[in-house]
Amino acid sequence: MKPVINKDDVKPLFDSKFIKVFDLQYEEGKHYYDATRRPLNRLTAVKSEEEFHRMLPDAVTCAVILRVKDEEPKLLLTEEYRYPTGQFLLSPPAGLLDAEDEASANPILSAARREIKEETGIEIAEGDSLFIINPLLFSSPGMTDESNALVCAVVNLEDLFSLSQKGAVGSECFDGFLLLSADEAREILKAGKDKNGIFYSVYTWACLMYFVSDLWR
């Protein structure tokens, strides 16, 4: 029988604009801690089964596959500085759902379209594909209820001149792109590190795997 966490038994321990920590008392005198972006009334732990099934992810991560004229398909990744690691990590375009996304007909694809434009300069056009791979994946549910949807964008381009990272906002910091063929993506998967010996996130791994599996075709 699973523990039931009641909203009245959840206590805030830390509250800031971007991160919160709650004490989830799941039995009398027993506590579990949740680092989250969500306010108390949106915590995953206190949702009913119906609310859980209908919930939106916190963010979206995008596997962007470029089909450039006369070239083999490439997976587009960025070098993005990740503050908790102190390193530029090989990363897919990604970002949080905002209020406008949540009010749209398809919040996940709305956020994906916007983040791809901001972080790569690419606008999804007629003839391109944009679809959901997975609607919600938990990042590290032993510590946080944070979640990402996975989206795939298959984009047709004449050339690469439109690529740009000038749309970065807030704390975002980029240092260029990496376009990987399927063979190059497999090499990085096998190594468990990028070509500079730097580890990468599980969402980068997921995008690499999705690309080399050919499930996007």
C-alpha atoms as a PDB file:
ATOM      1  CA  MET A   1       0.000   0.000   0.000  1.00  0.00           C
ATOM      2  CA  LYS A   2       1.520   3.300  -1.055  1.00  0.00           C
ATOM      3  CA  PRO A   3       1.932   6.165   1.416  1.00  0.00           C
ATOM      4  CA  VAL A   4      -0.563   9.014   1.091  1.00  0.00           C
ATOM      5  CA  ILE A   5       0.882  12.515   1.383  1.00  0.00           C
ATOM      6  CA  ASN A   6      -1.704  15.072   2.431  1.00  0.00           C
ATOM      7  CA  LYS A   7      -1.270  18.734   1.599  1.00  0.00           C
ATOM      8  CA  ASP A   8      -1.736  19.642   5.285  1.00  0.00           C
ATOM      9  CA  ASP A   9       1.269  17.469   6.196  1.00  0.00           C
ATOM     10  CA  VAL A  10       3.626  19.171   3.727  1.00  0.00           C
ATOM     11  CA  LYS A  11       5.829  21.852   5.284  1.00  0.00           C
ATOM     12  CA  PRO A  12       7.867  24.447   3.339  1.00  0.00           C
ATOM     13  CA  LEU A  13      11.547  24.525   4.355  1.00  0.00           C
ATOM     14  CA  PHE A  14      12.945  26.932   1.754  1.00  0.00           C
ATOM     15  CA  ASP A  15      11.233  29.231  -0.723  1.00  0.00           C
ATOM     16  CA  SER A  16      12.790  31.320  -3.484  1.00  0.00           C
ATOM     17  CA  LYS A  17      11.780  32.427  -6.968  1.00  0.00           C
ATOM     18  CA  PHE A  18      13.403  29.503  -8.778  1.00  0.00           C
ATOM     19  CA  ILE A  19      13.614  26.643  -6.264  1.00  0.00           C
ATOM     20  CA  LYS A  20      11.696  25.455  -3.216  1.00  0.00           C
ATOM     21  CA  VAL A  21      12.226  22.649  -0.689  1.00  0.00           C
ATOM     22  CA  PHE A  22       9.332  20.881   1.032  1.00  0.00           C
ATOM     23  CA  ASP A  23       9.176  18.343   3.838  1.00  0.00           C
ATOM     24  CA  LEU A  24       6.802  15.584   2.716  1.00  0.00           C
ATOM     25  CA  GLN A  25       5.596  13.893   5.922  1.00  0.00           C
ATOM     26  CA  TYR A  26       4.374  10.532   4.614  1.00  0.00           C
ATOM     27  CA  GLU A  27       3.761   8.994   8.054  1.00  0.00           C
ATOM     28  CA  GLU A  28       3.727  10.348  11.588  1.00  0.00           C
ATOM     29  CA  GLY A  29       7.322  11.295  12.355  1.00  0.00           C
ATOM     30  CA  LYS A  30       8.624  10.174   8.952  1.00  0.00           C
ATOM     31  CA  HIS A  31       9.870  12.754   6.464  1.00  0.00           C
ATOM     32  CA  TYR A  32      11.009  12.930   2.836  1.00  0.00           C
ATOM     33  CA  TYR A  33      12.372  16.037   1.145  1.00  0.00           C
ATOM     34  CA  ASP A  34      11.501  17.419  -2.271  1.00  0.00           C
ATOM     35  CA  ALA A  35      13.457  20.101  -4.169  1.00  0.00           C
ATOM     36  CA  THR A  36      11.038  21.542  -6.703  1.00  0.00           C
ATOM     37  CA  ARG A  37      10.096  24.453  -8.950  1.00  0.00           C
ATOM     38  CA  ARG A  38       6.438  24.042  -8.015  1.00  0.00           C
ATOM     39  CA  PRO A  39       4.421  25.872  -5.347  1.00  0.00           C
ATOM     40  CA  LEU A  40       2.616  23.800  -2.715  1.00  0.00           C
ATOM     41  CA  ASN A  41      -0.700  23.728  -4.580  1.00  0.00           C
ATOM     42  CA  ARG A  42       1.011  22.192  -7.670  1.00  0.00           C
ATOM     43  CA  LEU A  43       3.305  19.671  -5.987  1.00  0.00           C
ATOM     44  CA  THR A  44       3.231  16.316  -7.718  1.00  0.00           C
ATOM     45  CA  ALA A  45       3.221  14.435  -4.397  1.00  0.00           C
ATOM     46  CA  VAL A  46      -0.199  15.770  -3.334  1.00  0.00           C
ATOM     47  CA  LYS A  47      -1.998  15.302  -6.661  1.00  0.00           C
ATOM     48  CA  SER A  48      -4.885  12.872  -6.998  1.00  0.00           C
ATOM     49  CA  GLU A  49      -4.519  10.036  -9.519  1.00  0.00           C
ATOM     50  CA  GLU A  50      -6.646  12.005 -12.005  1.00  0.00           C
ATOM     51  CA  GLU A  51      -4.569  15.189 -11.514  1.00  0.00           C
ATOM     52  CA  PHE A  52      -1.358  13.187 -11.872  1.00  0.00           C
ATOM     53  CA  HIS A  53      -2.491  11.733 -15.196  1.00  0.00           C
ATOM     54  CA  ARG A  54      -3.332  15.213 -16.525  1.00  0.00           C
ATOM     55  CA  MET A  55      -0.277  17.110 -15.251  1.00  0.00           C
ATOM     56  CA  LEU A  56       2.052  19.050 -17.522  1.00  0.00           C
ATOM     57  CA  PRO A  57       5.847  18.763 -17.292  1.00  0.00           C
ATOM     58  CA  ASP A  58       7.956  21.587 -15.915  1.00  0.00           C
ATOM     59  CA  ALA A  59      10.050  21.812 -19.064  1.00  0.00           C
ATOM     60  CA  VAL A  60      10.640  20.441 -22.535  1.00  0.00           C
ATOM     61  CA  THR A  61      13.794  18.940 -24.077  1.00  0.00           C
ATOM     62  CA  CYS A  62      14.121  18.810 -27.869  1.00  0.00           C
ATOM     63  CA  ALA A  63      15.870  16.317 -30.133  1.00  0.00           C
ATOM     64  CA  VAL A  64      16.491  18.572 -33.150  1.00  0.00           C
ATOM     65  CA  ILE A  65      17.425  16.691 -36.301  1.00  0.00           C
ATOM     66  CA  LEU A  66      18.558  18.716 -39.289  1.00  0.00           C
ATOM     67  CA  ARG A  67      18.090  17.566 -42.854  1.00  0.00           C
ATOM     68  CA  VAL A  68      20.370  19.894 -44.788  1.00  0.00           C
ATOM     69  CA  LYS A  69      20.233  19.684 -48.570  1.00  0.00           C
ATOM     70  CA  ASP A  70      22.620  17.064 -50.010  1.00  0.00           C
ATOM     71  CA  GLU A  71      23.873  16.023 -46.542  1.00  0.00           C
ATOM     72  CA  GLU A  72      23.109  13.124 -44.202  1.00  0.00           C
ATOM     73  CA  PRO A  73      20.816  13.931 -41.234  1.00  0.00           C
ATOM     74  CA  LYS A  74      22.527  15.489 -38.214  1.00  0.00           C
ATOM     75  CA  LEU A  75      21.555  15.795 -34.553  1.00  0.00           C
ATOM     76  CA  LEU A  76      21.908  19.405 -33.387  1.00  0.00           C
ATOM     77  CA  LEU A  77      23.299  19.850 -29.878  1.00  0.00           C
ATOM     78  CA  THR A  78      24.608  22.932 -28.098  1.00  0.00           C
ATOM     79  CA  GLU A  79      27.457  23.643 -25.702  1.00  0.00           C
ATOM     80  CA  GLU A  80      25.538  25.128 -22.771  1.00  0.00           C
ATOM     81  CA  TYR A  81      27.058  26.247 -19.472  1.00  0.00           C
ATOM     82  CA  ARG A  82      25.390  24.413 -16.612  1.00  0.00           C
ATOM     83  CA  TYR A  83      25.990  26.238 -13.356  1.00  0.00           C
ATOM     84  CA  PRO A  84      25.696  23.271 -10.939  1.00  0.00           C
ATOM     85  CA  THR A  85      28.438  21.428 -12.878  1.00  0.00           C
ATOM     86  CA  GLY A  86      30.682  24.400 -13.603  1.00  0.00           C
ATOM     87  CA  GLN A  87      31.122  23.148 -17.180  1.00  0.00           C
ATOM     88  CA  PHE A  88      29.824  23.630 -20.700  1.00  0.00           C
ATOM     89  CA  LEU A  89      27.826  20.439 -21.279  1.00  0.00           C
ATOM     90  CA  LEU A  90      26.706  18.930 -24.552  1.00  0.00           C
ATOM     91  CA  SER A  91      22.992  19.727 -24.410  1.00  0.00           C
ATOM     92  CA  PRO A  92      19.814  19.624 -26.488  1.00  0.00           C
ATOM     93  CA  PRO A  93      17.670  22.768 -26.762  1.00  0.00           C
ATOM     94  CA  ALA A  94      15.447  22.883 -23.682  1.00  0.00           C
ATOM     95  CA  GLY A  95      13.516  25.191 -21.416  1.00  0.00           C
ATOM     96  CA  LEU A  96      10.643  25.689 -19.013  1.00  0.00           C
ATOM     97  CA  LEU A  97       6.985  25.845 -19.974  1.00  0.00           C
ATOM     98  CA  ASP A  98       5.696  29.353 -19.339  1.00  0.00           C
ATOM     99  CA  ALA A  99       2.177  30.663 -18.696  1.00  0.00           C
ATOM    100  CA  GLU A 100       1.557  31.376 -22.382  1.00  0.00           C
ATOM    101  CA  ASP A 101       2.517  27.814 -23.273  1.00  0.00           C
ATOM    102  CA  GLU A 102       0.157  26.397 -20.658  1.00  0.00           C
ATOM    103  CA  ALA A 103      -2.707  28.479 -22.077  1.00  0.00           C
ATOM    104  CA  SER A 104      -2.100  27.226 -25.635  1.00  0.00           C
ATOM    105  CA  ALA A 105      -3.780  24.311 -27.410  1.00  0.00           C
ATOM    106  CA  ASN A 106      -0.616  22.182 -27.079  1.00  0.00           C
ATOM    107  CA  PRO A 107       1.584  23.486 -24.232  1.00  0.00           C
ATOM    108  CA  ILE A 108       4.466  21.068 -24.847  1.00  0.00           C
ATOM    109  CA  LEU A 109       4.846  21.817 -28.551  1.00  0.00           C
ATOM    110  CA  SER A 110       4.356  25.539 -27.926  1.00  0.00           C
ATOM    111  CA  ALA A 111       7.294  25.547 -25.489  1.00  0.00           C
ATOM    112  CA  ALA A 112       9.403  23.405 -27.829  1.00  0.00           C
ATOM    113  CA  ARG A 113       8.854  25.704 -30.785  1.00  0.00           C
ATOM    114  CA  ARG A 114       9.805  28.754 -28.704  1.00  0.00           C
ATOM    115  CA  GLU A 115      12.897  27.193 -27.115  1.00  0.00           C
ATOM    116  CA  ILE A 116      14.227  25.928 -30.444  1.00  0.00           C
ATOM    117  CA  LYS A 117      13.874  29.428 -31.885  1.00  0.00           C
ATOM    118  CA  GLU A 118      15.580  31.092 -28.885  1.00  0.00           C
ATOM    119  CA  GLU A 119      18.485  28.656 -28.578  1.00  0.00           C
ATOM    120  CA  THR A 120      19.184  27.786 -32.217  1.00  0.00           C
ATOM    121  CA  GLY A 121      17.591  30.515 -34.354  1.00  0.00           C
ATOM    122  CA  ILE A 122      15.536  27.871 -36.187  1.00  0.00           C
ATOM    123  CA  GLU A 123      11.859  28.498 -36.872  1.00  0.00           C
ATOM    124  CA  ILE A 124       9.759  25.397 -37.415  1.00  0.00           C
ATOM    125  CA  ALA A 125       8.239  25.791 -40.887  1.00  0.00           C
ATOM    126  CA  GLU A 126       5.728  24.055 -43.105  1.00  0.00           C
ATOM    127  CA  GLY A 127       7.178  20.735 -44.185  1.00  0.00           C
ATOM    128  CA  ASP A 128       9.110  20.291 -40.932  1.00  0.00           C
ATOM    129  CA  SER A 129       7.979  17.838 -38.244  1.00  0.00           C
ATOM    130  CA  LEU A 130       7.424  18.644 -34.560  1.00  0.00           C
ATOM    131  CA  PHE A 131       6.023  15.904 -32.342  1.00  0.00           C
ATOM    132  CA  ILE A 132       6.061  14.575 -28.776  1.00  0.00           C
ATOM    133  CA  ILE A 133       8.295  11.591 -28.009  1.00  0.00           C
ATOM    134  CA  ASN A 134       7.285  11.370 -24.349  1.00  0.00           C
ATOM    135  CA  PRO A 135       4.890  13.745 -22.531  1.00  0.00           C
ATOM    136  CA  LEU A 136       6.597  13.637 -19.115  1.00  0.00           C
ATOM    137  CA  LEU A 137       9.773  12.124 -17.707  1.00  0.00           C
ATOM    138  CA  PHE A 138      10.918  12.663 -14.125  1.00  0.00           C
ATOM    139  CA  SER A 139      14.492  13.884 -13.822  1.00  0.00           C
ATOM    140  CA  SER A 140      15.588  12.406 -10.486  1.00  0.00           C
ATOM    141  CA  PRO A 141      12.484  11.425  -8.467  1.00  0.00           C
ATOM    142  CA  GLY A 142      14.490  10.479  -5.397  1.00  0.00           C
ATOM    143  CA  MET A 143      15.263  14.169  -4.891  1.00  0.00           C
ATOM    144  CA  THR A 144      12.858  16.246  -7.001  1.00  0.00           C
ATOM    145  CA  ASP A 145       9.509  16.118  -8.800  1.00  0.00           C
ATOM    146  CA  GLU A 146      10.992  18.101 -11.718  1.00  0.00           C
ATOM    147  CA  SER A 147      10.019  16.702 -15.115  1.00  0.00           C
ATOM    148  CA  ASN A 148      10.653  17.209 -18.832  1.00  0.00           C
ATOM    149  CA  ALA A 149       8.734  16.280 -21.932  1.00  0.00           C
ATOM    150  CA  LEU A 150      10.783  14.959 -24.841  1.00  0.00           C
ATOM    151  CA  VAL A 151       9.997  16.421 -28.261  1.00  0.00           C
ATOM    152  CA  CYS A 152      11.459  15.721 -31.699  1.00  0.00           C
ATOM    153  CA  ALA A 153      11.873  18.366 -34.402  1.00  0.00           C
ATOM    154  CA  VAL A 154      12.908  17.261 -37.898  1.00  0.00           C
ATOM    155  CA  VAL A 155      13.887  20.418 -39.756  1.00  0.00           C
ATOM    156  CA  ASN A 156      14.660  20.853 -43.456  1.00  0.00           C
ATOM    157  CA  LEU A 157      17.292  23.505 -44.227  1.00  0.00           C
ATOM    158  CA  GLU A 158      19.038  24.709 -47.360  1.00  0.00           C
ATOM    159  CA  ASP A 159      22.116  25.674 -45.322  1.00  0.00           C
ATOM    160  CA  LEU A 160      23.225  26.411 -41.755  1.00  0.00           C
ATOM    161  CA  PHE A 161      23.350  30.218 -41.950  1.00  0.00           C
ATOM    162  CA  SER A 162      20.194  30.553 -39.846  1.00  0.00           C
ATOM    163  CA  LEU A 163      21.803  28.912 -36.788  1.00  0.00           C
ATOM    164  CA  SER A 164      22.222  31.410 -33.962  1.00  0.00           C
ATOM    165  CA  GLN A 165      22.439  31.537 -30.170  1.00  0.00           C
ATOM    166  CA  LYS A 166      21.685  35.253 -29.926  1.00  0.00           C
ATOM    167  CA  GLY A 167      18.223  34.502 -28.547  1.00  0.00           C
ATOM    168  CA  ALA A 168      19.620  33.281 -25.202  1.00  0.00           C
ATOM    169  CA  VAL A 169      17.728  34.756 -22.255  1.00  0.00           C
ATOM    170  CA  GLY A 170      18.389  35.203 -18.541  1.00  0.00           C
ATOM    171  CA  SER A 171      21.266  33.108 -17.209  1.00  0.00           C
ATOM    172  CA  GLU A 172      21.619  31.068 -20.417  1.00  0.00           C
ATOM    173  CA  CYS A 173      25.201  30.895 -21.687  1.00  0.00           C
ATOM    174  CA  PHE A 174      26.186  29.059 -24.893  1.00  0.00           C
ATOM    175  CA  ASP A 175      29.449  28.310 -26.665  1.00  0.00           C
ATOM    176  CA  GLY A 176      28.454  27.031 -30.081  1.00  0.00           C
ATOM    177  CA  PHE A 177      26.807  24.041 -31.723  1.00  0.00           C
ATOM    178  CA  LEU A 178      27.770  20.465 -32.441  1.00  0.00           C
ATOM    179  CA  LEU A 179      26.176  18.699 -35.418  1.00  0.00           C
ATOM    180  CA  LEU A 180      26.506  14.940 -35.142  1.00  0.00           C
ATOM    181  CA  SER A 181      26.105  12.257 -37.763  1.00  0.00           C
ATOM    182  CA  ALA A 182      24.651   8.949 -36.592  1.00  0.00           C
ATOM    183  CA  ASP A 183      28.151   7.431 -36.403  1.00  0.00           C
ATOM    184  CA  GLU A 184      29.466  10.367 -34.365  1.00  0.00           C
ATOM    185  CA  ALA A 185      26.487  10.148 -32.017  1.00  0.00           C
ATOM    186  CA  ARG A 186      27.189   6.445 -31.466  1.00  0.00           C
ATOM    187  CA  GLU A 187      30.807   7.223 -30.592  1.00  0.00           C
ATOM    188  CA  ILE A 188      29.709   9.676 -27.903  1.00  0.00           C
ATOM    189  CA  LEU A 189      27.175   7.166 -26.551  1.00  0.00           C
ATOM    190  CA  LYS A 190      29.841   4.459 -26.313  1.00  0.00           C
ATOM    191  CA  ALA A 191      32.350   6.804 -24.651  1.00  0.00           C
ATOM    192  CA  GLY A 192      29.889   8.151 -22.063  1.00  0.00           C
ATOM    193  CA  LYS A 193      31.567  11.545 -22.531  1.00  0.00           C
ATOM    194  CA  ASP A 194      31.787  14.165 -25.245  1.00  0.00           C
ATOM    195  CA  LYS A 195      34.876  14.654 -27.410  1.00  0.00           C
ATOM    196  CA  ASN A 196      36.390  16.895 -24.714  1.00  0.00           C
ATOM    197  CA  GLY A 197      35.982  14.216 -22.045  1.00  0.00           C
ATOM    198  CA  ILE A 198      33.056  16.022 -20.396  1.00  0.00           C
ATOM    199  CA  PHE A 199      30.094  14.083 -18.997  1.00  0.00           C
ATOM    200  CA  TYR A 200      26.595  14.985 -20.209  1.00  0.00           C
ATOM    201  CA  SER A 201      23.015  14.847 -18.942  1.00  0.00           C
ATOM    202  CA  VAL A 202      20.564  11.957 -19.165  1.00  0.00           C
ATOM    203  CA  TYR A 203      18.443  14.073 -21.536  1.00  0.00           C
ATOM    204  CA  THR A 204      21.397  14.413 -23.898  1.00  0.00           C
ATOM    205  CA  TRP A 205      21.764  10.636 -23.718  1.00  0.00           C
ATOM    206  CA  ALA A 206      18.046  10.235 -24.530  1.00  0.00           C
ATOM    207  CA  CYS A 207      18.332  12.491 -27.600  1.00  0.00           C
ATOM    208  CA  LEU A 208      21.442  10.664 -28.811  1.00  0.00           C
ATOM    209  CA  MET A 209      19.695   7.318 -28.411  1.00  0.00           C
ATOM    210  CA  TYR A 210      16.532   8.498 -30.148  1.00  0.00           C
ATOM    211  CA  PHE A 211      18.577   9.785 -33.070  1.00  0.00           C
ATOM    212  CA  VAL A 212      20.712   6.670 -33.612  1.00  0.00           C
ATOM    213  CA  SER A 213      17.708   4.340 -33.175  1.00  0.00           C
ATOM    214  CA  ASP A 214      16.053   5.915 -36.245  1.00  0.00           C
ATOM    215  CA  LEU A 215      12.749   6.144 -34.354  1.00  0.00           C
ATOM    216  CA  TRP A 216      12.461   9.742 -35.609  1.00  0.00           C
ATOM    217  CA  ARG A 217      12.077   8.628 -39.236  1.00  0.00           C
END
